[in-house]
PDB file of N, CA and C in Angstrom:
ATOM      1  N   SER A   1     109.341 102.156 120.260  1.00  0.00           N
ATOM      2  CA  SER A   1     109.269 102.385 121.871  1.00  0.00           C
ATOM      3  C   SER A   1     108.018 102.797 122.354  1.00  0.00           C
ATOM      4  N   ALA A   2     107.027 103.416 121.819  1.00  0.00           N
ATOM      5  CA  ALA A   2     105.837 103.661 122.281  1.00  0.00           C
ATOM      6  C   ALA A   2     105.304 102.507 122.243  1.00  0.00           C
ATOM      7  N   VAL A   3     105.313 101.777 121.836  1.00  0.00           N
ATOM      8  CA  VAL A   3     104.188  99.861 121.990  1.00  0.00           C
ATOM      9  C   VAL A   3     105.212  99.452 123.040  1.00  0.00           C
ATOM     10  N   ARG A   4     106.585  99.396 123.044  1.00  0.00           N
ATOM     11  CA  ARG A   4     107.284  98.604 124.072  1.00  0.00           C
ATOM     12  C   ARG A   4     106.470  99.122 125.421  1.00  0.00           C
ATOM     13  N   TRP A   5     106.347 100.759 125.630  1.00  0.00           N
ATOM     14  CA  TRP A   5     106.127 101.269 126.810  1.00  0.00           C
ATOM     15  C   TRP A   5     104.540 101.015 126.998  1.00  0.00           C
ATOM     16  N   TYR A   6     104.141 101.205 126.215  1.00  0.00           N
ATOM     17  CA  TYR A   6     102.269 100.480 126.449  1.00  0.00           C
ATOM     18  C   TYR A   6     102.736  99.028 126.776  1.00  0.00           C
ATOM     19  N   VAL A   7     102.889  98.368 126.315  1.00  0.00           N
ATOM     20  CA  VAL A   7     102.746  96.851 126.543  1.00  0.00           C
ATOM     21  C   VAL A   7     103.341  96.339 127.952  1.00  0.00           C
ATOM     22  N   ASP A   8     104.636  97.068 128.271  1.00  0.00           N
ATOM     23  CA  ASP A   8     104.988  97.044 129.563  1.00  0.00           C
ATOM     24  C   ASP A   8     103.903  97.426 130.728  1.00  0.00           C
ATOM     25  N   GLY A   9     103.359  98.557 130.412  1.00  0.00           N
ATOM     26  CA  GLY A   9     102.827  99.309 131.725  1.00  0.00           C
ATOM     27  C   GLY A   9     101.158  98.329 131.449  1.00  0.00           C
ATOM     28  N   PHE A  10     100.725  97.945 130.477  1.00  0.00           N
ATOM     29  CA  PHE A  10      99.738  97.250 130.296  1.00  0.00           C
ATOM     30  C   PHE A  10      99.645  95.670 131.011  1.00  0.00           C
ATOM     31  N   SER A  11     100.745  95.086 130.799  1.00  0.00           N
ATOM     32  CA  SER A  11     101.402  93.650 131.465  1.00  0.00           C
ATOM     33  C   SER A  11     100.917  94.142 132.655  1.00  0.00           C
ATOM     34  N   GLU A  12     101.845  95.031 133.302  1.00  0.00           N
ATOM     35  CA  GLU A  12     101.811  95.216 134.792  1.00  0.00           C
ATOM     36  C   GLU A  12     100.574  95.474 135.432  1.00  0.00           C
ATOM     37  N   ARG A  13      99.522  96.044 134.439  1.00  0.00           N
ATOM     38  CA  ARG A  13      98.230  96.422 135.183  1.00  0.00           C
ATOM     39  C   ARG A  13      97.348  95.682 134.973  1.00  0.00           C
ATOM     40  N   SER A  14      97.107  94.676 133.955  1.00  0.00           N
ATOM     41  CA  SER A  14      96.419  93.758 133.390  1.00  0.00           C
ATOM     42  C   SER A  14      96.661  92.114 133.923  1.00  0.00           C
ATOM     43  N   ARG A  15      97.980  91.890 134.476  1.00  0.00           N
ATOM     44  CA  ARG A  15      98.803  90.845 135.036  1.00  0.00           C
ATOM     45  C   ARG A  15      98.397  89.835 133.683  1.00  0.00           C
ATOM     46  N   ILE A  16      98.602  90.356 132.598  1.00  0.00           N
ATOM     47  CA  ILE A  16      98.466  89.381 131.530  1.00  0.00           C
ATOM     48  C   ILE A  16      99.420  89.171 130.615  1.00  0.00           C
ATOM     49  N   LYS A  17     100.363  88.052 130.498  1.00  0.00           N
ATOM     50  CA  LYS A  17     102.047  88.252 130.284  1.00  0.00           C
ATOM     51  C   LYS A  17     102.005  88.775 128.732  1.00  0.00           C
ATOM     52  N   VAL A  18     102.737  89.568 128.348  1.00  0.00           N
ATOM     53  CA  VAL A  18     102.558  89.631 127.055  1.00  0.00           C
ATOM     54  C   VAL A  18     104.086  89.662 126.375  1.00  0.00           C
ATOM     55  N   ASP A  19     104.659  88.583 125.283  1.00  0.00           N
ATOM     56  CA  ASP A  19     105.421  88.351 124.499  1.00  0.00           C
ATOM     57  C   ASP A  19     105.295  89.222 123.264  1.00  0.00           C
ATOM     58  N   LEU A  20     106.325  90.319 123.295  1.00  0.00           N
ATOM     59  CA  LEU A  20     106.558  91.510 122.433  1.00  0.00           C
ATOM     60  C   LEU A  20     107.911  90.993 121.414  1.00  0.00           C
ATOM     61  N   GLU A  21     107.468  90.644 119.593  1.00  0.00           N
ATOM     62  CA  GLU A  21     108.459  90.809 119.104  1.00  0.00           C
ATOM     63  C   GLU A  21     108.734  91.441 117.843  1.00  0.00           C
ATOM     64  N   ILE A  22     109.552  92.545 118.221  1.00  0.00           N
ATOM     65  CA  ILE A  22     109.750  93.828 116.834  1.00  0.00           C
ATOM     66  C   ILE A  22     111.020  93.503 116.587  1.00  0.00           C
ATOM     67  N   PRO A  23     111.390  92.999 115.218  1.00  0.00           N
ATOM     68  CA  PRO A  23     112.764  93.026 114.773  1.00  0.00           C
ATOM     69  C   PRO A  23     113.770  94.593 114.923  1.00  0.00           C
ATOM     70  N   ALA A  24     115.087  93.888 115.579  1.00  0.00           N
ATOM     71  CA  ALA A  24     115.927  95.370 115.372  1.00  0.00           C
ATOM     72  C   ALA A  24     116.141  96.127 114.610  1.00  0.00           C
ATOM     73  N   ASP A  25     115.669  95.471 113.150  1.00  0.00           N
ATOM     74  CA  ASP A  25     116.016  96.543 112.108  1.00  0.00           C
ATOM     75  C   ASP A  25     114.990  97.016 111.137  1.00  0.00           C
ATOM     76  N   LEU A  26     113.624  97.477 112.055  1.00  0.00           N
ATOM     77  CA  LEU A  26     112.875  97.557 111.852  1.00  0.00           C
ATOM     78  C   LEU A  26     112.759  99.282 111.740  1.00  0.00           C
ATOM     79  N   PRO A  27     112.820  99.746 110.677  1.00  0.00           N
ATOM     80  CA  PRO A  27     112.876 101.480 110.206  1.00  0.00           C
ATOM     81  C   PRO A  27     111.603 102.010 110.944  1.00  0.00           C
ATOM     82  N   ARG A  28     112.031 103.318 111.418  1.00  0.00           N
ATOM     83  CA  ARG A  28     110.496 104.111 111.222  1.00  0.00           C
ATOM     84  C   ARG A  28     109.665 104.464 110.606  1.00  0.00           C
ATOM     85  N   LEU A  29     108.574 104.403 110.741  1.00  0.00           N
ATOM     86  CA  LEU A  29     107.231 104.302 109.463  1.00  0.00           C
ATOM     87  C   LEU A  29     106.836 106.009 109.696  1.00  0.00           C
ATOM     88  N   PRO A  30     106.231 106.255 108.815  1.00  0.00           N
ATOM     89  CA  PRO A  30     105.380 107.361 108.730  1.00  0.00           C
ATOM     90  C   PRO A  30     104.916 107.321 110.049  1.00  0.00           C
ATOM     91  N   ASP A  31     104.678 109.107 110.322  1.00  0.00           N
ATOM     92  CA  ASP A  31     103.905 109.206 111.680  1.00  0.00           C
ATOM     93  C   ASP A  31     102.376 108.318 111.585  1.00  0.00           C
ATOM     94  N   ASP A  32     101.649 108.656 110.268  1.00  0.00           N
ATOM     95  CA  ASP A  32     100.292 108.203 110.572  1.00  0.00           C
ATOM     96  C   ASP A  32     100.229 106.751 110.742  1.00  0.00           C
ATOM     97  N   MET A  33     101.007 105.967 110.196  1.00  0.00           N
ATOM     98  CA  MET A  33     101.014 104.647 110.114  1.00  0.00           C
ATOM     99  C   MET A  33     101.799 103.760 111.538  1.00  0.00           C
ATOM    100  N   GLU A  34     102.922 104.793 112.247  1.00  0.00           N
ATOM    101  CA  GLU A  34     102.874 104.473 113.551  1.00  0.00           C
ATOM    102  C   GLU A  34     101.742 104.279 114.724  1.00  0.00           C
ATOM    103  N   ILE A  35     101.017 105.551 114.386  1.00  0.00           N
ATOM    104  CA  ILE A  35     100.079 105.628 115.069  1.00  0.00           C
ATOM    105  C   ILE A  35      98.892 104.569 114.954  1.00  0.00           C
ATOM    106  N   ALA A  36      98.720 104.494 114.036  1.00  0.00           N
ATOM    107  CA  ALA A  36      97.694 103.638 113.888  1.00  0.00           C
ATOM    108  C   ALA A  36      98.074 101.966 114.141  1.00  0.00           C
ATOM    109  N   ILE A  37      99.417 101.823 114.033  1.00  0.00           N
ATOM    110  CA  ILE A  37      99.940 100.667 114.754  1.00  0.00           C
ATOM    111  C   ILE A  37      99.759 100.642 115.847  1.00  0.00           C
ATOM    112  N   PHE A  38     100.311 101.464 116.813  1.00  0.00           N
ATOM    113  CA  PHE A  38      99.965 101.572 118.168  1.00  0.00           C
ATOM    114  C   PHE A  38      98.567 101.630 118.781  1.00  0.00           C
ATOM    115  N   ARG A  39      97.725 102.094 117.955  1.00  0.00           N
ATOM    116  CA  ARG A  39      96.236 102.058 118.152  1.00  0.00           C
ATOM    117  C   ARG A  39      95.626 100.719 117.995  1.00  0.00           C
ATOM    118  N   MET A  40      96.092  99.930 117.277  1.00  0.00           N
ATOM    119  CA  MET A  40      95.644  98.913 116.964  1.00  0.00           C
ATOM    120  C   MET A  40      95.927  97.900 118.362  1.00  0.00           C
ATOM    121  N   VAL A  41      97.491  97.831 118.306  1.00  0.00           N
ATOM    122  CA  VAL A  41      97.766  96.881 119.696  1.00  0.00           C
ATOM    123  C   VAL A  41      97.069  97.438 120.681  1.00  0.00           C
ATOM    124  N   GLN A  42      96.339  98.840 120.928  1.00  0.00           N
ATOM    125  CA  GLN A  42      96.180  99.405 121.880  1.00  0.00           C
ATOM    126  C   GLN A  42      94.601  98.565 121.800  1.00  0.00           C
ATOM    127  N   GLU A  43      94.046  98.738 121.091  1.00  0.00           N
ATOM    128  CA  GLU A  43      92.941  98.190 121.121  1.00  0.00           C
ATOM    129  C   GLU A  43      92.669  96.692 121.173  1.00  0.00           C
ATOM    130  N   CYS A  44      93.651  95.802 120.758  1.00  0.00           N
ATOM    131  CA  CYS A  44      93.622  94.332 120.662  1.00  0.00           C
ATOM    132  C   CYS A  44      94.026  94.075 122.134  1.00  0.00           C
ATOM    133  N   LEU A  45      94.937  94.795 122.749  1.00  0.00           N
ATOM    134  CA  LEU A  45      95.314  94.255 124.390  1.00  0.00           C
ATOM    135  C   LEU A  45      94.281  94.968 125.400  1.00  0.00           C
ATOM    136  N   THR A  46      93.473  95.585 124.880  1.00  0.00           N
ATOM    137  CA  THR A  46      92.024  96.049 125.442  1.00  0.00           C
ATOM    138  C   THR A  46      91.258  94.725 125.397  1.00  0.00           C
ATOM    139  N   ASN A  47      90.796  94.426 123.991  1.00  0.00           N
ATOM    140  CA  ASN A  47      89.859  93.374 124.076  1.00  0.00           C
ATOM    141  C   ASN A  47      90.132  91.812 124.680  1.00  0.00           C
ATOM    142  N   ILE A  48      91.605  91.786 124.492  1.00  0.00           N
ATOM    143  CA  ILE A  48      91.933  90.299 125.223  1.00  0.00           C
ATOM    144  C   ILE A  48      91.739  90.368 126.630  1.00  0.00           C
ATOM    145  N   HIS A  49      92.275  91.871 127.335  1.00  0.00           N
ATOM    146  CA  HIS A  49      91.785  91.938 128.856  1.00  0.00           C
ATOM    147  C   HIS A  49      90.469  91.844 129.223  1.00  0.00           C
ATOM    148  N   ARG A  50      89.589  92.518 128.008  1.00  0.00           N
ATOM    149  CA  ARG A  50      88.230  92.892 128.546  1.00  0.00           C
ATOM    150  C   ARG A  50      87.253  91.171 128.242  1.00  0.00           C
ATOM    151  N   HIS A  51      87.626  90.530 127.405  1.00  0.00           N
ATOM    152  CA  HIS A  51      86.724  89.734 126.508  1.00  0.00           C
ATOM    153  C   HIS A  51      86.981  88.395 126.422  1.00  0.00           C
ATOM    154  N   SER A  52      88.846  87.823 126.636  1.00  0.00           N
ATOM    155  CA  SER A  52      88.820  86.557 126.216  1.00  0.00           C
ATOM    156  C   SER A  52      89.696  85.682 127.200  1.00  0.00           C
ATOM    157  N   GLY A  53      89.759  86.193 128.272  1.00  0.00           N
ATOM    158  CA  GLY A  53      89.894  85.346 129.623  1.00  0.00           C
ATOM    159  C   GLY A  53      91.563  84.868 129.637  1.00  0.00           C
ATOM    160  N   SER A  54      92.430  85.171 128.248  1.00  0.00           N
ATOM    161  CA  SER A  54      93.291  84.406 127.959  1.00  0.00           C
ATOM    162  C   SER A  54      94.650  85.431 129.030  1.00  0.00           C
ATOM    163  N   PRO A  55      95.573  84.212 129.621  1.00  0.00           N
ATOM    164  CA  PRO A  55      96.688  84.828 130.729  1.00  0.00           C
ATOM    165  C   PRO A  55      97.647  85.606 129.783  1.00  0.00           C
ATOM    166  N   THR A  56      97.829  85.303 128.678  1.00  0.00           N
ATOM    167  CA  THR A  56      98.645  85.584 127.917  1.00  0.00           C
ATOM    168  C   THR A  56      98.132  86.326 126.354  1.00  0.00           C
ATOM    169  N   ALA A  57      99.931  87.115 125.795  1.00  0.00           N
ATOM    170  CA  ALA A  57      99.144  87.314 124.540  1.00  0.00           C
ATOM    171  C   ALA A  57     100.475  87.455 124.027  1.00  0.00           C
ATOM    172  N   ALA A  58     100.405  87.647 122.506  1.00  0.00           N
ATOM    173  CA  ALA A  58     101.749  87.395 121.360  1.00  0.00           C
ATOM    174  C   ALA A  58     101.389  88.721 120.690  1.00  0.00           C
ATOM    175  N   ILE A  59     102.607  89.726 120.481  1.00  0.00           N
ATOM    176  CA  ILE A  59     102.587  90.675 119.627  1.00  0.00           C
ATOM    177  C   ILE A  59     103.785  90.302 118.490  1.00  0.00           C
ATOM    178  N   ARG A  60     103.906  90.300 117.438  1.00  0.00           N
ATOM    179  CA  ARG A  60     105.082  89.929 116.392  1.00  0.00           C
ATOM    180  C   ARG A  60     104.787  91.135 115.120  1.00  0.00           C
ATOM    181  N   PHE A  61     105.686  91.887 114.888  1.00  0.00           N
ATOM    182  CA  PHE A  61     105.851  92.788 113.989  1.00  0.00           C
ATOM    183  C   PHE A  61     107.042  92.051 113.102  1.00  0.00           C
ATOM    184  N   ARG A  62     106.699  91.590 111.847  1.00  0.00           N
ATOM    185  CA  ARG A  62     107.325  91.050 110.659  1.00  0.00           C
ATOM    186  C   ARG A  62     107.558  92.298 109.451  1.00  0.00           C
ATOM    187  N   VAL A  63     108.488  91.694 108.738  1.00  0.00           N
ATOM    188  CA  VAL A  63     108.730  92.743 107.482  1.00  0.00           C
ATOM    189  C   VAL A  63     108.699  91.736 106.843  1.00  0.00           C
ATOM    190  N   ASP A  64     107.955  91.915 105.608  1.00  0.00           N
ATOM    191  CA  ASP A  64     107.806  90.771 104.496  1.00  0.00           C
ATOM    192  C   ASP A  64     107.635  92.049 103.105  1.00  0.00           C
ATOM    193  N   GLY A  65     108.927  91.902 102.701  1.00  0.00           N
ATOM    194  CA  GLY A  65     109.064  92.776 101.461  1.00  0.00           C
ATOM    195  C   GLY A  65     108.786  94.103 101.598  1.00  0.00           C
ATOM    196  N   ASP A  66     107.713  94.575 100.849  1.00  0.00           N
ATOM    197  CA  ASP A  66     107.451  96.065 101.407  1.00  0.00           C
ATOM    198  C   ASP A  66     106.372  95.961 102.168  1.00  0.00           C
ATOM    199  N   ARG A  67     105.738  95.139 102.963  1.00  0.00           N
ATOM    200  CA  ARG A  67     104.928  94.782 104.062  1.00  0.00           C
ATOM    201  C   ARG A  67     105.125  95.240 105.184  1.00  0.00           C
ATOM    202  N   ILE A  68     104.361  95.586 106.365  1.00  0.00           N
ATOM    203  CA  ILE A  68     104.934  95.017 107.691  1.00  0.00           C
ATOM    204  C   ILE A  68     103.286  94.733 107.848  1.00  0.00           C
ATOM    205  N   ILE A  69     104.091  93.514 108.842  1.00  0.00           N
ATOM    206  CA  ILE A  69     102.984  92.930 109.150  1.00  0.00           C
ATOM    207  C   ILE A  69     102.516  92.736 110.679  1.00  0.00           C
ATOM    208  N   ILE A  70     101.889  93.037 111.536  1.00  0.00           N
ATOM    209  CA  ILE A  70     101.767  93.261 112.915  1.00  0.00           C
ATOM    210  C   ILE A  70     100.329  91.807 113.228  1.00  0.00           C
ATOM    211  N   GLN A  71     100.794  91.097 113.819  1.00  0.00           N
ATOM    212  CA  GLN A  71      99.925  89.711 114.333  1.00  0.00           C
ATOM    213  C   GLN A  71      99.776  90.278 116.217  1.00  0.00           C
ATOM    214  N   VAL A  72      98.691  90.066 116.596  1.00  0.00           N
ATOM    215  CA  VAL A  72      98.266  90.250 117.901  1.00  0.00           C
ATOM    216  C   VAL A  72      97.534  88.908 118.174  1.00  0.00           C
ATOM    217  N   GLN A  73      97.917  87.878 119.040  1.00  0.00           N
ATOM    218  CA  GLN A  73      97.368  86.759 119.715  1.00  0.00           C
ATOM    219  C   GLN A  73      97.326  86.258 120.808  1.00  0.00           C
ATOM    220  N   ASP A  74      96.172  85.780 121.245  1.00  0.00           N
ATOM    221  CA  ASP A  74      96.031  85.445 122.478  1.00  0.00           C
ATOM    222  C   ASP A  74      95.469  83.918 122.636  1.00  0.00           C
ATOM    223  N   LYS A  75      95.369  83.392 123.600  1.00  0.00           N
ATOM    224  CA  LYS A  75      94.790  81.708 123.686  1.00  0.00           C
ATOM    225  C   LYS A  75      93.439  81.956 124.863  1.00  0.00           C
ATOM    226  N   GLY A  76      92.661  82.940 124.406  1.00  0.00           N
ATOM    227  CA  GLY A  76      91.499  83.130 125.584  1.00  0.00           C
ATOM    228  C   GLY A  76      90.304  81.962 124.844  1.00  0.00           C
ATOM    229  N   LYS A  77      89.331  82.446 124.869  1.00  0.00           N
ATOM    230  CA  LYS A  77      88.063  81.629 124.925  1.00  0.00           C
ATOM    231  C   LYS A  77      87.705  81.819 123.394  1.00  0.00           C
ATOM    232  N   GLY A  78      87.881  83.047 122.563  1.00  0.00           N
ATOM    233  CA  GLY A  78      87.783  82.616 121.051  1.00  0.00           C
ATOM    234  C   GLY A  78      86.636  83.690 120.931  1.00  0.00           C
ATOM    235  N   ILE A  79      86.160  83.484 119.360  1.00  0.00           N
ATOM    236  CA  ILE A  79      84.974  84.529 118.926  1.00  0.00           C
ATOM    237  C   ILE A  79      84.237  83.580 118.296  1.00  0.00           C
ATOM    238  N   SER A  80      83.203  83.319 118.587  1.00  0.00           N
ATOM    239  CA  SER A  80      82.055  82.588 117.851  1.00  0.00           C
ATOM    240  C   SER A  80      82.061  83.046 116.663  1.00  0.00           C
ATOM    241  N   PRO A  81      81.708  81.606 115.467  1.00  0.00           N
ATOM    242  CA  PRO A  81      81.631  82.064 113.940  1.00  0.00           C
ATOM    243  C   PRO A  81      80.487  82.939 113.963  1.00  0.00           C
ATOM    244  N   GLU A  82      79.646  83.252 114.530  1.00  0.00           N
ATOM    245  CA  GLU A  82      78.273  84.379 114.266  1.00  0.00           C
ATOM    246  C   GLU A  82      78.444  85.660 114.717  1.00  0.00           C
ATOM    247  N   LYS A  83      79.716  85.607 115.589  1.00  0.00           N
ATOM    248  CA  LYS A  83      80.078  87.267 116.075  1.00  0.00           C
ATOM    249  C   LYS A  83      81.376  87.624 114.844  1.00  0.00           C
ATOM    250  N   GLN A  84      81.627  86.687 114.481  1.00  0.00           N
ATOM    251  CA  GLN A  84      83.073  87.323 113.714  1.00  0.00           C
ATOM    252  C   GLN A  84      82.469  87.295 112.325  1.00  0.00           C
ATOM    253  N   GLN A  85      81.191  86.832 111.837  1.00  0.00           N
ATOM    254  CA  GLN A  85      80.731  86.780 110.902  1.00  0.00           C
ATOM    255  C   GLN A  85      80.018  88.330 110.663  1.00  0.00           C
ATOM    256  N   GLU A  86      79.554  88.646 112.283  1.00  0.00           N
ATOM    257  CA  GLU A  86      79.075  90.094 112.362  1.00  0.00           C
ATOM    258  C   GLU A  86      79.927  91.126 112.307  1.00  0.00           C
ATOM    259  N   LEU A  87      81.196  90.602 112.852  1.00  0.00           N
ATOM    260  CA  LEU A  87      82.291  91.698 112.438  1.00  0.00           C
ATOM    261  C   LEU A  87      82.685  91.957 111.687  1.00  0.00           C
ATOM    262  N   LYS A  88      82.597  91.105 110.647  1.00  0.00           N
ATOM    263  CA  LYS A  88      83.256  91.652 109.140  1.00  0.00           C
ATOM    264  C   LYS A  88      81.817  92.624 108.342  1.00  0.00           C
ATOM    265  N   GLU A  89      80.963  92.536 108.911  1.00  0.00           N
ATOM    266  CA  GLU A  89      79.851  93.545 107.832  1.00  0.00           C
ATOM    267  C   GLU A  89      80.696  94.687 108.231  1.00  0.00           C
ATOM    268  N   PRO A  90      80.006  95.413 106.943  1.00  0.00           N
ATOM    269  CA  PRO A  90      80.572  97.219 107.234  1.00  0.00           C
ATOM    270  C   PRO A  90      79.669  97.845 108.151  1.00  0.00           C
ATOM    271  N   GLY A  91      80.461  98.633 108.646  1.00  0.00           N
ATOM    272  CA  GLY A  91      79.991  99.340 109.656  1.00  0.00           C
ATOM    273  C   GLY A  91      79.493  98.688 110.899  1.00  0.00           C
ATOM    274  N   ARG A  92      80.323  97.758 111.068  1.00  0.00           N
ATOM    275  CA  ARG A  92      79.873  96.695 112.500  1.00  0.00           C
ATOM    276  C   ARG A  92      81.212  96.579 113.038  1.00  0.00           C
ATOM    277  N   GLY A  93      81.078  95.511 114.260  1.00  0.00           N
ATOM    278  CA  GLY A  93      82.640  95.137 114.854  1.00  0.00           C
ATOM    279  C   GLY A  93      82.660  96.232 116.275  1.00  0.00           C
ATOM    280  N   GLY A  94      81.732  97.425 116.433  1.00  0.00           N
ATOM    281  CA  GLY A  94      81.924  97.823 118.005  1.00  0.00           C
ATOM    282  C   GLY A  94      83.118  98.899 117.161  1.00  0.00           C
ATOM    283  N   VAL A  95      83.413  99.904 118.049  1.00  0.00           N
ATOM    284  CA  VAL A  95      83.941 101.108 117.711  1.00  0.00           C
ATOM    285  C   VAL A  95      85.604 100.357 117.679  1.00  0.00           C
ATOM    286  N   GLY A  96      85.778  99.918 118.562  1.00  0.00           N
ATOM    287  CA  GLY A  96      87.264  99.328 118.662  1.00  0.00           C
ATOM    288  C   GLY A  96      87.777  98.827 117.315  1.00  0.00           C
ATOM    289  N   LEU A  97      87.064  97.476 116.618  1.00  0.00           N
ATOM    290  CA  LEU A  97      87.570  97.013 115.571  1.00  0.00           C
ATOM    291  C   LEU A  97      86.794  97.950 114.499  1.00  0.00           C
ATOM    292  N   GLY A  98      85.797  98.239 114.326  1.00  0.00           N
ATOM    293  CA  GLY A  98      85.736  99.274 113.101  1.00  0.00           C
ATOM    294  C   GLY A  98      86.536 100.441 112.934  1.00  0.00           C
ATOM    295  N   GLY A  99      87.078 100.789 113.965  1.00  0.00           N
ATOM    296  CA  GLY A  99      88.148 101.925 114.248  1.00  0.00           C
ATOM    297  C   GLY A  99      89.228 101.471 113.915  1.00  0.00           C
ATOM    298  N   MET A 100      89.743 100.027 114.011  1.00  0.00           N
ATOM    299  CA  MET A 100      90.980  99.755 113.294  1.00  0.00           C
ATOM    300  C   MET A 100      90.813  99.616 112.044  1.00  0.00           C
ATOM    301  N   ARG A 101      89.777  98.869 112.137  1.00  0.00           N
ATOM    302  CA  ARG A 101      89.810  98.339 110.471  1.00  0.00           C
ATOM    303  C   ARG A 101      89.855 100.301 109.206  1.00  0.00           C
ATOM    304  N   GLU A 102      88.969 100.803 109.988  1.00  0.00           N
ATOM    305  CA  GLU A 102      89.090 102.124 109.385  1.00  0.00           C
ATOM    306  C   GLU A 102      90.584 102.607 108.852  1.00  0.00           C
ATOM    307  N   ARG A 103      90.889 102.712 110.030  1.00  0.00           N
ATOM    308  CA  ARG A 103      92.565 103.554 110.228  1.00  0.00           C
ATOM    309  C   ARG A 103      93.410 102.736 109.132  1.00  0.00           C
ATOM    310  N   LEU A 104      93.252 101.277 109.416  1.00  0.00           N
ATOM    311  CA  LEU A 104      93.983 100.930 107.935  1.00  0.00           C
ATOM    312  C   LEU A 104      93.905 100.677 106.805  1.00  0.00           C
ATOM    313  N   ARG A 105      92.445 100.997 106.635  1.00  0.00           N
ATOM    314  CA  ARG A 105      92.107 100.964 105.255  1.00  0.00           C
ATOM    315  C   ARG A 105      92.335 102.104 104.394  1.00  0.00           C
ATOM    316  N   GLN A 106      92.571 103.611 105.839  1.00  0.00           N
ATOM    317  CA  GLN A 106      92.864 104.698 105.294  1.00  0.00           C
ATOM    318  C   GLN A 106      94.052 104.855 104.788  1.00  0.00           C
ATOM    319  N   LEU A 107      95.248 104.126 105.313  1.00  0.00           N
ATOM    320  CA  LEU A 107      96.445 103.753 104.875  1.00  0.00           C
ATOM    321  C   LEU A 107      96.418 102.513 103.950  1.00  0.00           C
ATOM    322  N   GLY A 108      95.828 102.047 103.297  1.00  0.00           N
ATOM    323  CA  GLY A 108      96.430 101.512 102.175  1.00  0.00           C
ATOM    324  C   GLY A 108      96.019  99.709 102.939  1.00  0.00           C
ATOM    325  N   GLY A 109      96.067  99.650 104.347  1.00  0.00           N
ATOM    326  CA  GLY A 109      96.051  98.296 104.947  1.00  0.00           C
ATOM    327  C   GLY A 109      94.831  97.197 105.270  1.00  0.00           C
ATOM    328  N   THR A 110      94.924  96.168 105.494  1.00  0.00           N
ATOM    329  CA  THR A 110      94.133  95.301 106.073  1.00  0.00           C
ATOM    330  C   THR A 110      94.027  95.229 107.131  1.00  0.00           C
ATOM    331  N   LEU A 111      92.759  94.404 107.649  1.00  0.00           N
ATOM    332  CA  LEU A 111      92.784  93.744 109.421  1.00  0.00           C
ATOM    333  C   LEU A 111      91.868  92.542 108.837  1.00  0.00           C
ATOM    334  N   GLU A 112      92.570  91.263 109.797  1.00  0.00           N
ATOM    335  CA  GLU A 112      91.770  90.280 109.532  1.00  0.00           C
ATOM    336  C   GLU A 112      91.884  89.893 111.078  1.00  0.00           C
ATOM    337  N   LEU A 113      90.735  88.983 110.875  1.00  0.00           N
ATOM    338  CA  LEU A 113      90.360  88.263 112.260  1.00  0.00           C
ATOM    339  C   LEU A 113      90.187  86.684 112.360  1.00  0.00           C
ATOM    340  N   LYS A 114      91.070  86.206 113.107  1.00  0.00           N
ATOM    341  CA  LYS A 114      90.789  84.704 113.162  1.00  0.00           C
ATOM    342  C   LYS A 114      90.670  84.162 114.443  1.00  0.00           C
ATOM    343  N   SER A 115      89.400  82.931 114.523  1.00  0.00           N
ATOM    344  CA  SER A 115      89.270  82.602 115.812  1.00  0.00           C
ATOM    345  C   SER A 115      88.387  81.131 115.340  1.00  0.00           C
ATOM    346  N   GLN A 116      89.304  79.923 116.073  1.00  0.00           N
ATOM    347  CA  GLN A 116      88.767  79.167 115.955  1.00  0.00           C
ATOM    348  C   GLN A 116      88.756  78.122 116.867  1.00  0.00           C
ATOM    349  N   GLY A 117      87.809  78.074 118.000  1.00  0.00           N
ATOM    350  CA  GLY A 117      87.582  77.310 119.442  1.00  0.00           C
ATOM    351  C   GLY A 117      88.585  78.583 120.107  1.00  0.00           C
ATOM    352  N   MET A 118      89.957  77.669 120.404  1.00  0.00           N
ATOM    353  CA  MET A 118      90.609  78.288 121.505  1.00  0.00           C
ATOM    354  C   MET A 118      91.448  79.613 120.992  1.00  0.00           C
ATOM    355  N   GLY A 119      91.419  80.681 121.101  1.00  0.00           N
ATOM    356  CA  GLY A 119      92.430  82.006 121.136  1.00  0.00           C
ATOM    357  C   GLY A 119      91.675  82.701 119.958  1.00  0.00           C
ATOM    358  N   THR A 120      92.307  83.822 119.514  1.00  0.00           N
ATOM    359  CA  THR A 120      92.190  84.776 118.602  1.00  0.00           C
ATOM    360  C   THR A 120      93.186  85.522 117.892  1.00  0.00           C
ATOM    361  N   VAL A 121      93.299  85.826 116.710  1.00  0.00           N
ATOM    362  CA  VAL A 121      94.795  86.111 116.230  1.00  0.00           C
ATOM    363  C   VAL A 121      94.113  87.360 115.340  1.00  0.00           C
ATOM    364  N   VAL A 122      94.887  88.571 115.583  1.00  0.00           N
ATOM    365  CA  VAL A 122      94.416  89.716 114.219  1.00  0.00           C
ATOM    366  C   VAL A 122      95.448  90.278 113.711  1.00  0.00           C
ATOM    367  N   ILE A 123      95.282  90.123 112.843  1.00  0.00           N
ATOM    368  CA  ILE A 123      96.310  90.577 111.678  1.00  0.00           C
ATOM    369  C   ILE A 123      96.525  91.853 111.136  1.00  0.00           C
ATOM    370  N   ALA A 124      97.114  93.066 110.907  1.00  0.00           N
ATOM    371  CA  ALA A 124      97.239  93.959 110.126  1.00  0.00           C
ATOM    372  C   ALA A 124      98.249  93.728 109.307  1.00  0.00           C
ATOM    373  N   THR A 125      97.792  94.112 108.072  1.00  0.00           N
ATOM    374  CA  THR A 125      99.244  94.048 106.760  1.00  0.00           C
ATOM    375  C   THR A 125      98.789  95.791 106.382  1.00  0.00           C
ATOM    376  N   LEU A 126     100.427  96.451 105.980  1.00  0.00           N
ATOM    377  CA  LEU A 126     100.629  97.565 105.648  1.00  0.00           C
ATOM    378  C   LEU A 126     101.629  97.347 104.885  1.00  0.00           C
ATOM    379  N   LYS A 127     101.285  98.586 103.385  1.00  0.00           N
ATOM    380  CA  LYS A 127     102.205  98.505 102.740  1.00  0.00           C
ATOM    381  C   LYS A 127     103.122  99.491 103.251  1.00  0.00           C
ATOM    382  N   ARG A 128     104.957  99.460 103.464  1.00  0.00           N
ATOM    383  CA  ARG A 128     105.905 100.141 103.784  1.00  0.00           C
ATOM    384  C   ARG A 128     105.779 101.392 102.523  1.00  0.00           C
ATOM    385  N   ALA A 129     106.335 102.754 103.513  1.00  0.00           N
ATOM    386  CA  ALA A 129     105.916 103.753 102.581  1.00  0.00           C
ATOM    387  C   ALA A 129     107.372 103.724 101.615  1.00  0.00           C
TER     388      ALA A 129
END
């Protein structure tokens, strides 16, 4: 419910239309995992607003066996291959991306960034407890 609340407010403030998909049967997760997911969504939307120029964003939550996958996608200007490589280096990626990656890593999860030409996709994968 916190993600829905945040997305609604973000859309209103930024004028970016966000399509949010959360399965109705998604169970509650441990607090630390829910907080990490909320912060990841928050940071992704902030980056979309600041950097992408995209008029839309899409957030998808998916359960795959014992994993939960969160995908945040935009249709903006994308991230250059050079910048993507820089963002992969340990200790790089700015406070936002580095913080997301570290939060997820501490929970046994991963963060993947994909951008080719138009648009960017950020994918977080966590094991459900």
